[in-house]
Amino acid sequence: MKYPQLIIYETDGAMAKLLGKLASDQGWMMRESRSNESLLNLLKEQRVSIVFLKFERDLVSGLELLSQITTQFPDCPVVVVSDVKADSHQRENLSCLVFDLGARYIVFPPLTQPVAEDLANGLMISALRTAGL
């Protein structure tokens, strides 16, 4: 079996720092992507994958990428991490939108290491079970 992969889509490397030790300890490949094309190419590999998709400034681009991921790879769990400051009404609207597009979770700032690790670990265990591994 190929190693499972944790794919992190972001520009600043902050989530990779939060999740790097967990991925290493669990024997997962951790891959970073900074372009839509490279992320989609990583998902084409035949391995169990989960994605942490960080929404930074360009919300529309992030939503389009989320839609592409969930349409082309419906079994791949996606966690949306919002790096955009928003009030409670905006958070509620964004949450509804990303869930409608197929995200499993959305996390708003601050994203702490324990929360990120719990999400990644739980989703990977579930993805591995779903794949029969």
Protein backbone atom coordinates (compact mmCIF):
# COMPACT_ATOMS: atom_id res chain seq x y z
CA MET A 1 0.00 0.00 0.00
CA LYS A 2 1.19 3.50 -0.77
CA TYR A 3 1.54 5.80 2.19
CA PRO A 4 -1.54 7.90 2.93
CA GLN A 5 -1.08 11.58 2.22
CA LEU A 6 -2.03 14.76 3.98
CA ILE A 7 -2.17 17.58 1.44
CA ILE A 8 -1.98 21.13 2.68
CA TYR A 9 -2.94 23.99 0.39
CA GLU A 10 -1.67 27.31 1.70
CA THR A 11 0.83 30.02 0.94
CA ASP A 12 2.50 30.70 4.28
CA GLY A 13 3.48 27.26 5.63
CA ALA A 14 1.72 27.74 8.98
CA MET A 15 -0.49 24.62 8.75
CA ALA A 16 2.43 22.53 7.56
CA LYS A 17 4.26 23.50 10.75
CA LEU A 18 1.22 22.56 12.85
CA LEU A 19 0.76 19.15 11.22
CA GLY A 20 4.28 18.13 10.20
CA LYS A 21 5.15 16.19 13.36
CA LEU A 22 1.82 14.34 13.38
CA ALA A 23 2.25 13.30 9.74
CA SER A 24 5.77 12.09 10.43
CA ASP A 25 4.77 10.21 13.60
CA GLN A 26 1.86 8.51 11.80
CA GLY A 27 3.86 7.57 8.71
CA TRP A 28 1.85 9.79 6.36
CA MET A 29 3.27 11.72 3.47
CA MET A 30 2.74 15.42 4.01
CA ARG A 31 2.61 17.37 0.80
CA GLU A 32 2.23 21.07 0.34
CA SER A 33 0.59 22.66 -2.66
CA ARG A 34 0.43 26.25 -3.68
CA SER A 35 -1.42 25.84 -6.97
CA ASN A 36 -4.76 24.34 -7.92
CA GLU A 37 -3.20 22.20 -10.63
CA SER A 38 -0.57 20.65 -8.37
CA LEU A 39 -3.16 19.86 -5.69
CA LEU A 40 -5.45 18.14 -8.19
CA ASN A 41 -2.49 16.20 -9.60
CA LEU A 42 -1.58 14.98 -6.10
CA LEU A 43 -5.13 13.72 -5.63
CA LYS A 44 -4.93 11.72 -8.87
CA GLU A 45 -2.36 9.42 -7.26
CA GLN A 46 -3.84 6.16 -6.02
CA ARG A 47 -3.49 6.68 -2.28
CA VAL A 48 -5.68 7.61 0.67
CA SER A 49 -5.69 11.40 0.98
CA ILE A 50 -7.08 14.18 3.10
CA VAL A 51 -6.85 17.88 2.29
CA PHE A 52 -6.52 20.96 4.46
CA LEU A 53 -7.54 23.83 2.18
CA LYS A 54 -6.69 27.26 3.54
CA PHE A 55 -8.84 30.13 2.33
CA GLU A 56 -6.76 33.26 2.44
CA ARG A 57 -7.65 36.42 0.55
CA ASP A 58 -9.20 35.12 -2.66
CA LEU A 59 -12.38 33.48 -1.40
CA VAL A 60 -13.83 32.82 -4.87
CA SER A 61 -10.72 30.96 -6.01
CA GLY A 62 -10.81 28.85 -2.84
CA LEU A 63 -14.46 27.99 -3.35
CA GLU A 64 -13.81 27.01 -6.97
CA LEU A 65 -10.96 24.74 -5.90
CA LEU A 66 -13.11 23.16 -3.18
CA SER A 67 -15.80 22.46 -5.77
CA GLN A 68 -13.25 20.86 -8.12
CA ILE A 69 -11.87 18.64 -5.36
CA THR A 70 -15.23 17.42 -4.12
CA THR A 71 -16.58 16.88 -7.64
CA GLN A 72 -13.55 14.98 -8.95
CA PHE A 73 -12.63 13.21 -5.69
CA PRO A 74 -15.84 12.85 -3.66
CA ASP A 75 -14.31 10.40 -1.18
CA CYS A 76 -11.49 12.77 -0.21
CA PRO A 77 -12.22 14.58 3.06
CA VAL A 78 -11.55 18.33 2.90
CA VAL A 79 -11.09 20.65 5.86
CA VAL A 80 -11.47 24.32 4.98
CA VAL A 81 -9.39 26.61 7.14
CA SER A 82 -10.49 30.22 6.93
CA ASP A 83 -7.78 32.79 7.37
CA VAL A 84 -10.23 35.59 6.64
CA LYS A 85 -11.52 37.69 9.52
CA ALA A 86 -15.30 37.54 9.58
CA ASP A 87 -18.14 38.37 11.91
CA SER A 88 -20.55 35.68 13.08
CA HIS A 89 -23.00 36.27 10.22
CA GLN A 90 -20.24 36.00 7.61
CA ARG A 91 -18.90 32.85 9.30
CA GLU A 92 -22.34 31.28 9.21
CA ASN A 93 -22.78 32.09 5.52
CA LEU A 94 -19.32 30.79 4.63
CA SER A 95 -19.92 27.62 6.64
CA CYS A 96 -23.16 26.92 4.81
CA LEU A 97 -21.49 27.51 1.46
CA VAL A 98 -18.49 25.25 2.03
CA PHE A 99 -20.67 22.47 3.44
CA ASP A 100 -22.91 22.74 0.38
CA LEU A 101 -19.78 22.37 -1.76
CA GLY A 102 -18.73 19.21 0.10
CA ALA A 103 -16.26 20.22 2.80
CA ARG A 104 -16.33 18.03 5.90
CA TYR A 105 -15.25 20.76 8.31
CA ILE A 106 -14.52 24.47 8.41
CA VAL A 107 -12.25 26.01 11.01
CA PHE A 108 -11.97 29.71 11.82
CA PRO A 109 -9.04 31.45 13.52
CA PRO A 110 -7.31 30.61 15.66
CA LEU A 111 -6.40 27.11 14.48
CA THR A 112 -4.48 25.51 17.32
CA GLN A 113 -2.20 22.51 17.01
CA PRO A 114 -4.42 20.18 19.09
CA VAL A 115 -7.49 21.00 16.97
CA ALA A 116 -5.59 20.59 13.69
CA GLU A 117 -4.08 17.29 14.84
CA ASP A 118 -7.41 15.92 16.08
CA LEU A 119 -9.09 16.77 12.77
CA ALA A 120 -6.28 15.31 10.65
CA ASN A 121 -5.98 12.14 12.73
CA GLY A 122 -9.72 11.47 12.86
CA LEU A 123 -10.24 12.09 9.15
CA MET A 124 -7.26 9.92 8.17
CA ILE A 125 -8.49 7.03 10.33
CA SER A 126 -11.93 7.36 8.75
CA ALA A 127 -10.49 7.60 5.21
CA LEU A 128 -8.34 4.51 5.78
CA ARG A 129 -11.33 2.54 7.08
CA THR A 130 -13.45 3.66 4.13
CA ALA A 131 -10.70 2.44 1.80
CA GLY A 132 -10.74 -0.91 3.60
CA LEU A 133 -7.24 -0.53 5.07
